[in-house]
Amino acid sequence: IIDEPFMGLDPRAIRDLLSLLDQERRRGAGVLMSTHAL
């Protein structure tokens, strides 16, 4: 459960976070994410 995860992150960190979340989802985890970044 992630609330506005992109605030304060540089573009590279955003890329790395999304890549890691993809790995976690492939493992079977679910992600609920609140974001303003439409």
ModelCIF file with pLDDT and N, C-alpha, C, O atoms, coordinates in Angstrom:
data_MODEL
#
_entry.id   MODEL 
#
_entity.id                         1 
_entity.type                       polymer 
_entity.pdbx_number_of_molecules   1 
#
_entity_poly.entity_id                      1 
_entity_poly.type                           'polypeptide(L)' 
_entity_poly.nstd_linkage                   no 
_entity_poly.nstd_monomer                   no 
_entity_poly.pdbx_seq_one_letter_code       IIDEPFMGLDPRAIRDLLSLLDQERRRGAGVLMSTHAL 
_entity_poly.pdbx_seq_one_letter_code_can   IIDEPFMGLDPRAIRDLLSLLDQERRRGAGVLMSTHAL 
_entity_poly.pdbx_strand_id                 A 
#
loop_
_entity_poly_seq.entity_id 
_entity_poly_seq.num 
_entity_poly_seq.mon_id 
_entity_poly_seq.hetero 
1 1  ILE n 
1 2  ILE n 
1 3  ASP n 
1 4  GLU n 
1 5  PRO n 
1 6  PHE n 
1 7  MET n 
1 8  GLY n 
1 9  LEU n 
1 10 ASP n 
1 11 PRO n 
1 12 ARG n 
1 13 ALA n 
1 14 ILE n 
1 15 ARG n 
1 16 ASP n 
1 17 LEU n 
1 18 LEU n 
1 19 SER n 
1 20 LEU n 
1 21 LEU n 
1 22 ASP n 
1 23 GLN n 
1 24 GLU n 
1 25 ARG n 
1 26 ARG n 
1 27 ARG n 
1 28 GLY n 
1 29 ALA n 
1 30 GLY n 
1 31 VAL n 
1 32 LEU n 
1 33 MET n 
1 34 SER n 
1 35 THR n 
1 36 HIS n 
1 37 ALA n 
1 38 LEU n 
#
_struct_asym.id          A 
_struct_asym.entity_id   1 
#
loop_
_ma_qa_metric.id 
_ma_qa_metric.mode 
_ma_qa_metric.name 
_ma_qa_metric.software_group_id 
_ma_qa_metric.type 
1 global pLDDT . pLDDT 
2 local  pLDDT . pLDDT 
#
_ma_qa_metric_global.metric_id      1 
_ma_qa_metric_global.metric_value   91.95 
_ma_qa_metric_global.model_id       1 
_ma_qa_metric_global.ordinal_id     1 
#
loop_
_ma_qa_metric_local.label_asym_id 
_ma_qa_metric_local.label_comp_id 
_ma_qa_metric_local.label_seq_id 
_ma_qa_metric_local.metric_id 
_ma_qa_metric_local.metric_value 
_ma_qa_metric_local.model_id 
_ma_qa_metric_local.ordinal_id 
A ILE 1  2 97.00 1 1  
A ILE 2  2 96.00 1 2  
A ASP 3  2 94.00 1 3  
A GLU 4  2 90.00 1 4  
A PRO 5  2 89.00 1 5  
A PHE 6  2 87.00 1 6  
A MET 7  2 80.00 1 7  
A GLY 8  2 79.00 1 8  
A LEU 9  2 86.00 1 9  
A ASP 10 2 89.00 1 10 
A PRO 11 2 90.00 1 11 
A ARG 12 2 91.00 1 12 
A ALA 13 2 90.00 1 13 
A ILE 14 2 91.00 1 14 
A ARG 15 2 92.00 1 15 
A ASP 16 2 92.00 1 16 
A LEU 17 2 93.00 1 17 
A LEU 18 2 93.00 1 18 
A SER 19 2 93.00 1 19 
A LEU 20 2 94.00 1 20 
A LEU 21 2 94.00 1 21 
A ASP 22 2 95.00 1 22 
A GLN 23 2 94.00 1 23 
A GLU 24 2 95.00 1 24 
A ARG 25 2 96.00 1 25 
A ARG 26 2 96.00 1 26 
A ARG 27 2 94.00 1 27 
A GLY 28 2 95.00 1 28 
A ALA 29 2 96.00 1 29 
A GLY 30 2 97.00 1 30 
A VAL 31 2 98.00 1 31 
A LEU 32 2 98.00 1 32 
A MET 33 2 97.00 1 33 
A SER 34 2 95.00 1 34 
A THR 35 2 89.00 1 35 
A HIS 36 2 84.00 1 36 
A ALA 37 2 85.00 1 37 
A LEU 38 2 90.00 1 38 
#
loop_
_atom_site.group_PDB 
_atom_site.id 
_atom_site.type_symbol 
_atom_site.label_atom_id 
_atom_site.label_alt_id 
_atom_site.label_comp_id 
_atom_site.label_asym_id 
_atom_site.label_entity_id 
_atom_site.label_seq_id 
_atom_site.pdbx_PDB_ins_code 
_atom_site.Cartn_x 
_atom_site.Cartn_y 
_atom_site.Cartn_z 
_atom_site.occupancy 
_atom_site.B_iso_or_equiv 
_atom_site.pdbx_formal_charge 
_atom_site.auth_seq_id 
_atom_site.auth_comp_id 
_atom_site.auth_asym_id 
_atom_site.auth_atom_id 
_atom_site.pdbx_PDB_model_num 
ATOM 1   N N  . ILE A 1 1  ? 0.870  -1.168  0.000   1.00 97.00 ? 1  ILE A N  1 
ATOM 2   C CA . ILE A 1 1  ? 0.000  0.000   0.000   1.00 97.00 ? 1  ILE A CA 1 
ATOM 3   C C  . ILE A 1 1  ? 0.908  1.219   0.000   1.00 97.00 ? 1  ILE A C  1 
ATOM 4   O O  . ILE A 1 1  ? 1.603  1.491   0.979   1.00 97.00 ? 1  ILE A O  1 
ATOM 5   N N  . ILE A 1 2  ? 0.895  1.947   -1.107  1.00 96.00 ? 2  ILE A N  1 
ATOM 6   C CA . ILE A 1 2  ? 1.892  2.992   -1.335  1.00 96.00 ? 2  ILE A CA 1 
ATOM 7   C C  . ILE A 1 2  ? 1.185  4.310   -1.611  1.00 96.00 ? 2  ILE A C  1 
ATOM 8   O O  . ILE A 1 2  ? 0.354  4.403   -2.514  1.00 96.00 ? 2  ILE A O  1 
ATOM 9   N N  . ASP A 1 3  ? 1.518  5.319   -0.832  1.00 94.00 ? 3  ASP A N  1 
ATOM 10  C CA . ASP A 1 3  ? 0.876  6.630   -0.921  1.00 94.00 ? 3  ASP A CA 1 
ATOM 11  C C  . ASP A 1 3  ? 1.837  7.624   -1.573  1.00 94.00 ? 3  ASP A C  1 
ATOM 12  O O  . ASP A 1 3  ? 2.864  7.974   -0.992  1.00 94.00 ? 3  ASP A O  1 
ATOM 13  N N  . GLU A 1 4  ? 1.501  8.072   -2.775  1.00 90.00 ? 4  GLU A N  1 
ATOM 14  C CA . GLU A 1 4  ? 2.290  9.067   -3.522  1.00 90.00 ? 4  GLU A CA 1 
ATOM 15  C C  . GLU A 1 4  ? 3.779  8.713   -3.542  1.00 90.00 ? 4  GLU A C  1 
ATOM 16  O O  . GLU A 1 4  ? 4.590  9.467   -3.003  1.00 90.00 ? 4  GLU A O  1 
ATOM 17  N N  . PRO A 1 5  ? 4.154  7.593   -4.144  1.00 89.00 ? 5  PRO A N  1 
ATOM 18  C CA . PRO A 1 5  ? 5.544  7.143   -4.062  1.00 89.00 ? 5  PRO A CA 1 
ATOM 19  C C  . PRO A 1 5  ? 6.533  7.959   -4.874  1.00 89.00 ? 5  PRO A C  1 
ATOM 20  O O  . PRO A 1 5  ? 7.737  7.877   -4.631  1.00 89.00 ? 5  PRO A O  1 
ATOM 21  N N  . PHE A 1 6  ? 6.054  8.753   -5.840  1.00 87.00 ? 6  PHE A N  1 
ATOM 22  C CA . PHE A 1 6  ? 6.983  9.440   -6.735  1.00 87.00 ? 6  PHE A CA 1 
ATOM 23  C C  . PHE A 1 6  ? 7.421  10.803  -6.216  1.00 87.00 ? 6  PHE A C  1 
ATOM 24  O O  . PHE A 1 6  ? 8.299  11.435  -6.803  1.00 87.00 ? 6  PHE A O  1 
ATOM 25  N N  . MET A 1 7  ? 6.820  11.259  -5.125  1.00 80.00 ? 7  MET A N  1 
ATOM 26  C CA . MET A 1 7  ? 7.185  12.551  -4.556  1.00 80.00 ? 7  MET A CA 1 
ATOM 27  C C  . MET A 1 7  ? 8.620  12.500  -4.037  1.00 80.00 ? 7  MET A C  1 
ATOM 28  O O  . MET A 1 7  ? 8.962  11.643  -3.222  1.00 80.00 ? 7  MET A O  1 
ATOM 29  N N  . GLY A 1 8  ? 9.448  13.417  -4.509  1.00 79.00 ? 8  GLY A N  1 
ATOM 30  C CA . GLY A 1 8  ? 10.818 13.503  -4.021  1.00 79.00 ? 8  GLY A CA 1 
ATOM 31  C C  . GLY A 1 8  ? 11.795 12.559  -4.689  1.00 79.00 ? 8  GLY A C  1 
ATOM 32  O O  . GLY A 1 8  ? 12.981 12.568  -4.359  1.00 79.00 ? 8  GLY A O  1 
ATOM 33  N N  . LEU A 1 9  ? 11.320 11.735  -5.633  1.00 86.00 ? 9  LEU A N  1 
ATOM 34  C CA . LEU A 1 9  ? 12.208 10.788  -6.307  1.00 86.00 ? 9  LEU A CA 1 
ATOM 35  C C  . LEU A 1 9  ? 12.690 11.355  -7.638  1.00 86.00 ? 9  LEU A C  1 
ATOM 36  O O  . LEU A 1 9  ? 11.930 11.995  -8.366  1.00 86.00 ? 9  LEU A O  1 
ATOM 37  N N  . ASP A 1 10 ? 13.952 11.116  -7.942  1.00 89.00 ? 10 ASP A N  1 
ATOM 38  C CA . ASP A 1 10 ? 14.480 11.506  -9.242  1.00 89.00 ? 10 ASP A CA 1 
ATOM 39  C C  . ASP A 1 10 ? 14.025 10.488  -10.287 1.00 89.00 ? 10 ASP A C  1 
ATOM 40  O O  . ASP A 1 10 ? 13.585 9.395   -9.928  1.00 89.00 ? 10 ASP A O  1 
ATOM 41  N N  . PRO A 1 11 ? 14.124 10.828  -11.572 1.00 90.00 ? 11 PRO A N  1 
ATOM 42  C CA . PRO A 1 11 ? 13.625 9.927   -12.626 1.00 90.00 ? 11 PRO A CA 1 
ATOM 43  C C  . PRO A 1 11 ? 14.230 8.533   -12.577 1.00 90.00 ? 11 PRO A C  1 
ATOM 44  O O  . PRO A 1 11 ? 13.533 7.552   -12.839 1.00 90.00 ? 11 PRO A O  1 
ATOM 45  N N  . ARG A 1 12 ? 15.513 8.423   -12.247 1.00 91.00 ? 12 ARG A N  1 
ATOM 46  C CA . ARG A 1 12 ? 16.136 7.108   -12.194 1.00 91.00 ? 12 ARG A CA 1 
ATOM 47  C C  . ARG A 1 12 ? 15.548 6.271   -11.065 1.00 91.00 ? 12 ARG A C  1 
ATOM 48  O O  . ARG A 1 12 ? 15.329 5.071   -11.227 1.00 91.00 ? 12 ARG A O  1 
ATOM 49  N N  . ALA A 1 13 ? 15.289 6.911   -9.910  1.00 90.00 ? 13 ALA A N  1 
ATOM 50  C CA . ALA A 1 13 ? 14.705 6.185   -8.784  1.00 90.00 ? 13 ALA A CA 1 
ATOM 51  C C  . ALA A 1 13 ? 13.282 5.746   -9.099  1.00 90.00 ? 13 ALA A C  1 
ATOM 52  O O  . ALA A 1 13 ? 12.862 4.664   -8.690  1.00 90.00 ? 13 ALA A O  1 
ATOM 53  N N  . ILE A 1 14 ? 12.533 6.579   -9.827  1.00 91.00 ? 14 ILE A N  1 
ATOM 54  C CA . ILE A 1 14 ? 11.182 6.194   -10.247 1.00 91.00 ? 14 ILE A CA 1 
ATOM 55  C C  . ILE A 1 14 ? 11.241 4.966   -11.152 1.00 91.00 ? 14 ILE A C  1 
ATOM 56  O O  . ILE A 1 14 ? 10.457 4.029   -10.995 1.00 91.00 ? 14 ILE A O  1 
ATOM 57  N N  . ARG A 1 15 ? 12.175 4.981   -12.098 1.00 92.00 ? 15 ARG A N  1 
ATOM 58  C CA . ARG A 1 15 ? 12.341 3.832   -12.984 1.00 92.00 ? 15 ARG A CA 1 
ATOM 59  C C  . ARG A 1 15 ? 12.673 2.570   -12.194 1.00 92.00 ? 15 ARG A C  1 
ATOM 60  O O  . ARG A 1 15 ? 12.109 1.506   -12.447 1.00 92.00 ? 15 ARG A O  1 
ATOM 61  N N  . ASP A 1 16 ? 13.594 2.697   -11.233 1.00 92.00 ? 16 ASP A N  1 
ATOM 62  C CA . ASP A 1 16 ? 14.005 1.536   -10.444 1.00 92.00 ? 16 ASP A CA 1 
ATOM 63  C C  . ASP A 1 16 ? 12.851 1.019   -9.587  1.00 92.00 ? 16 ASP A C  1 
ATOM 64  O O  . ASP A 1 16 ? 12.676 -0.190  -9.440  1.00 92.00 ? 16 ASP A O  1 
ATOM 65  N N  . LEU A 1 17 ? 12.061 1.940   -9.020  1.00 93.00 ? 17 LEU A N  1 
ATOM 66  C CA . LEU A 1 17 ? 10.908 1.531   -8.219  1.00 93.00 ? 17 LEU A CA 1 
ATOM 67  C C  . LEU A 1 17 ? 9.901  0.761   -9.072  1.00 93.00 ? 17 LEU A C  1 
ATOM 68  O O  . LEU A 1 17 ? 9.423  -0.298  -8.665  1.00 93.00 ? 17 LEU A O  1 
ATOM 69  N N  . LEU A 1 18 ? 9.586  1.282   -10.234 1.00 93.00 ? 18 LEU A N  1 
ATOM 70  C CA . LEU A 1 18 ? 8.606  0.616   -11.093 1.00 93.00 ? 18 LEU A CA 1 
ATOM 71  C C  . LEU A 1 18 ? 9.105  -0.753  -11.539 1.00 93.00 ? 18 LEU A C  1 
ATOM 72  O O  . LEU A 1 18 ? 8.328  -1.704  -11.624 1.00 93.00 ? 18 LEU A O  1 
ATOM 73  N N  . SER A 1 19 ? 10.399 -0.852  -11.822 1.00 93.00 ? 19 SER A N  1 
ATOM 74  C CA . SER A 1 19 ? 10.969 -2.140  -12.194 1.00 93.00 ? 19 SER A CA 1 
ATOM 75  C C  . SER A 1 19 ? 10.856 -3.148  -11.056 1.00 93.00 ? 19 SER A C  1 
ATOM 76  O O  . SER A 1 19 ? 10.527 -4.314  -11.276 1.00 93.00 ? 19 SER A O  1 
ATOM 77  N N  . LEU A 1 20 ? 11.132 -2.687  -9.841  1.00 94.00 ? 20 LEU A N  1 
ATOM 78  C CA . LEU A 1 20 ? 11.053 -3.576  -8.684  1.00 94.00 ? 20 LEU A CA 1 
ATOM 79  C C  . LEU A 1 20 ? 9.616  -3.985  -8.396  1.00 94.00 ? 20 LEU A C  1 
ATOM 80  O O  . LEU A 1 20 ? 9.360  -5.136  -8.042  1.00 94.00 ? 20 LEU A O  1 
ATOM 81  N N  . LEU A 1 21 ? 8.675  -3.058  -8.544  1.00 94.00 ? 21 LEU A N  1 
ATOM 82  C CA . LEU A 1 21 ? 7.269  -3.406  -8.344  1.00 94.00 ? 21 LEU A CA 1 
ATOM 83  C C  . LEU A 1 21 ? 6.803  -4.418  -9.386  1.00 94.00 ? 21 LEU A C  1 
ATOM 84  O O  . LEU A 1 21 ? 5.988  -5.290  -9.086  1.00 94.00 ? 21 LEU A O  1 
ATOM 85  N N  . ASP A 1 22 ? 7.315  -4.303  -10.602 1.00 95.00 ? 22 ASP A N  1 
ATOM 86  C CA . ASP A 1 22 ? 6.992  -5.306  -11.621 1.00 95.00 ? 22 ASP A CA 1 
ATOM 87  C C  . ASP A 1 22 ? 7.459  -6.691  -11.171 1.00 95.00 ? 22 ASP A C  1 
ATOM 88  O O  . ASP A 1 22 ? 6.741  -7.677  -11.336 1.00 95.00 ? 22 ASP A O  1 
ATOM 89  N N  . GLN A 1 23 ? 8.663  -6.760  -10.603 1.00 94.00 ? 23 GLN A N  1 
ATOM 90  C CA . GLN A 1 23 ? 9.168  -8.038  -10.104 1.00 94.00 ? 23 GLN A CA 1 
ATOM 91  C C  . GLN A 1 23 ? 8.289  -8.587  -8.991  1.00 94.00 ? 23 GLN A C  1 
ATOM 92  O O  . GLN A 1 23 ? 7.987  -9.780  -8.960  1.00 94.00 ? 23 GLN A O  1 
ATOM 93  N N  . GLU A 1 24 ? 7.879  -7.709  -8.073  1.00 95.00 ? 24 GLU A N  1 
ATOM 94  C CA . GLU A 1 24 ? 7.036  -8.133  -6.956  1.00 95.00 ? 24 GLU A CA 1 
ATOM 95  C C  . GLU A 1 24 ? 5.676  -8.616  -7.448  1.00 95.00 ? 24 GLU A C  1 
ATOM 96  O O  . GLU A 1 24 ? 5.119  -9.569  -6.902  1.00 95.00 ? 24 GLU A O  1 
ATOM 97  N N  . ARG A 1 25 ? 5.146  -7.970  -8.465  1.00 96.00 ? 25 ARG A N  1 
ATOM 98  C CA . ARG A 1 25 ? 3.858  -8.381  -9.013  1.00 96.00 ? 25 ARG A CA 1 
ATOM 99  C C  . ARG A 1 25 ? 3.968  -9.733  -9.708  1.00 96.00 ? 25 ARG A C  1 
ATOM 100 O O  . ARG A 1 25 ? 3.062  -10.561 -9.616  1.00 96.00 ? 25 ARG A O  1 
ATOM 101 N N  . ARG A 1 26 ? 5.075  -9.950  -10.398 1.00 96.00 ? 26 ARG A N  1 
ATOM 102 C CA . ARG A 1 26 ? 5.266  -11.255 -11.029 1.00 96.00 ? 26 ARG A CA 1 
ATOM 103 C C  . ARG A 1 26 ? 5.372  -12.361 -9.979  1.00 96.00 ? 26 ARG A C  1 
ATOM 104 O O  . ARG A 1 26 ? 5.022  -13.514 -10.232 1.00 96.00 ? 26 ARG A O  1 
ATOM 105 N N  . ARG A 1 27 ? 5.857  -11.987 -8.809  1.00 94.00 ? 27 ARG A N  1 
ATOM 106 C CA . ARG A 1 27 ? 5.915  -12.936 -7.692  1.00 94.00 ? 27 ARG A CA 1 
ATOM 107 C C  . ARG A 1 27 ? 4.529  -13.223 -7.142  1.00 94.00 ? 27 ARG A C  1 
ATOM 108 O O  . ARG A 1 27 ? 4.329  -14.241 -6.480  1.00 94.00 ? 27 ARG A O  1 
ATOM 109 N N  . GLY A 1 28 ? 3.562  -12.338 -7.407  1.00 95.00 ? 28 GLY A N  1 
ATOM 110 C CA . GLY A 1 28 ? 2.199  -12.529 -6.942  1.00 95.00 ? 28 GLY A CA 1 
ATOM 111 C C  . GLY A 1 28 ? 1.697  -11.472 -5.994  1.00 95.00 ? 28 GLY A C  1 
ATOM 112 O O  . GLY A 1 28 ? 0.559  -11.550 -5.532  1.00 95.00 ? 28 GLY A O  1 
ATOM 113 N N  . ALA A 1 29 ? 2.528  -10.471 -5.689  1.00 96.00 ? 29 ALA A N  1 
ATOM 114 C CA . ALA A 1 29 ? 2.101  -9.397  -4.786  1.00 96.00 ? 29 ALA A CA 1 
ATOM 115 C C  . ALA A 1 29 ? 1.121  -8.473  -5.497  1.00 96.00 ? 29 ALA A C  1 
ATOM 116 O O  . ALA A 1 29 ? 1.192  -8.291  -6.713  1.00 96.00 ? 29 ALA A O  1 
ATOM 117 N N  . GLY A 1 30 ? 0.205  -7.892  -4.725  1.00 97.00 ? 30 GLY A N  1 
ATOM 118 C CA . GLY A 1 30 ? -0.691 -6.866  -5.232  1.00 97.00 ? 30 GLY A CA 1 
ATOM 119 C C  . GLY A 1 30 ? -0.255 -5.509  -4.736  1.00 97.00 ? 30 GLY A C  1 
ATOM 120 O O  . GLY A 1 30 ? 0.290  -5.395  -3.638  1.00 97.00 ? 30 GLY A O  1 
ATOM 121 N N  . VAL A 1 31 ? -0.488 -4.469  -5.534  1.00 98.00 ? 31 VAL A N  1 
ATOM 122 C CA . VAL A 1 31 ? -0.063 -3.113  -5.191  1.00 98.00 ? 31 VAL A CA 1 
ATOM 123 C C  . VAL A 1 31 ? -1.253 -2.168  -5.288  1.00 98.00 ? 31 VAL A C  1 
ATOM 124 O O  . VAL A 1 31 ? -1.891 -2.072  -6.336  1.00 98.00 ? 31 VAL A O  1 
ATOM 125 N N  . LEU A 1 32 ? -1.551 -1.472  -4.193  1.00 98.00 ? 32 LEU A N  1 
ATOM 126 C CA . LEU A 1 32 ? -2.515 -0.377  -4.190  1.00 98.00 ? 32 LEU A CA 1 
ATOM 127 C C  . LEU A 1 32 ? -1.710 0.909   -4.084  1.00 98.00 ? 32 LEU A C  1 
ATOM 128 O O  . LEU A 1 32 ? -1.015 1.132   -3.093  1.00 98.00 ? 32 LEU A O  1 
ATOM 129 N N  . MET A 1 33 ? -1.803 1.747   -5.094  1.00 97.00 ? 33 MET A N  1 
ATOM 130 C CA . MET A 1 33 ? -0.963 2.940   -5.164  1.00 97.00 ? 33 MET A CA 1 
ATOM 131 C C  . MET A 1 33 ? -1.798 4.191   -5.357  1.00 97.00 ? 33 MET A C  1 
ATOM 132 O O  . MET A 1 33 ? -2.556 4.300   -6.320  1.00 97.00 ? 33 MET A O  1 
ATOM 133 N N  . SER A 1 34 ? -1.657 5.130   -4.441  1.00 95.00 ? 34 SER A N  1 
ATOM 134 C CA . SER A 1 34 ? -2.254 6.448   -4.590  1.00 95.00 ? 34 SER A CA 1 
ATOM 135 C C  . SER A 1 34 ? -1.241 7.360   -5.274  1.00 95.00 ? 34 SER A C  1 
ATOM 136 O O  . SER A 1 34 ? -0.081 7.420   -4.869  1.00 95.00 ? 34 SER A O  1 
ATOM 137 N N  . THR A 1 35 ? -1.682 8.070   -6.312  1.00 89.00 ? 35 THR A N  1 
ATOM 138 C CA . THR A 1 35 ? -0.742 8.946   -7.010  1.00 89.00 ? 35 THR A CA 1 
ATOM 139 C C  . THR A 1 35 ? -1.460 10.095  -7.707  1.00 89.00 ? 35 THR A C  1 
ATOM 140 O O  . THR A 1 35 ? -2.604 9.968   -8.144  1.00 89.00 ? 35 THR A O  1 
ATOM 141 N N  . HIS A 1 36 ? -0.745 11.232  -7.798  1.00 84.00 ? 36 HIS A N  1 
ATOM 142 C CA . HIS A 1 36 ? -1.202 12.359  -8.603  1.00 84.00 ? 36 HIS A CA 1 
ATOM 143 C C  . HIS A 1 36 ? -0.627 12.303  -10.014 1.00 84.00 ? 36 HIS A C  1 
ATOM 144 O O  . HIS A 1 36 ? -1.045 13.057  -10.892 1.00 84.00 ? 36 HIS A O  1 
ATOM 145 N N  . ALA A 1 37 ? 0.327  11.411  -10.223 1.00 85.00 ? 37 ALA A N  1 
ATOM 146 C CA . ALA A 1 37 ? 1.004  11.332  -11.521 1.00 85.00 ? 37 ALA A CA 1 
ATOM 147 C C  . ALA A 1 37 ? 0.136  10.552  -12.506 1.00 85.00 ? 37 ALA A C  1 
ATOM 148 O O  . ALA A 1 37 ? 0.351  9.360   -12.724 1.00 85.00 ? 37 ALA A O  1 
ATOM 149 N N  . LEU A 1 38 ? -0.840 11.230  -13.094 1.00 90.00 ? 38 LEU A N  1 
ATOM 150 C CA . LEU A 1 38 ? -1.819 10.545  -13.930 1.00 90.00 ? 38 LEU A CA 1 
ATOM 151 C C  . LEU A 1 38 ? -1.198 9.959   -15.192 1.00 90.00 ? 38 LEU A C  1 
ATOM 152 O O  . LEU A 1 38 ? -1.899 9.349   -15.999 1.00 90.00 ? 38 LEU A O  1 
#
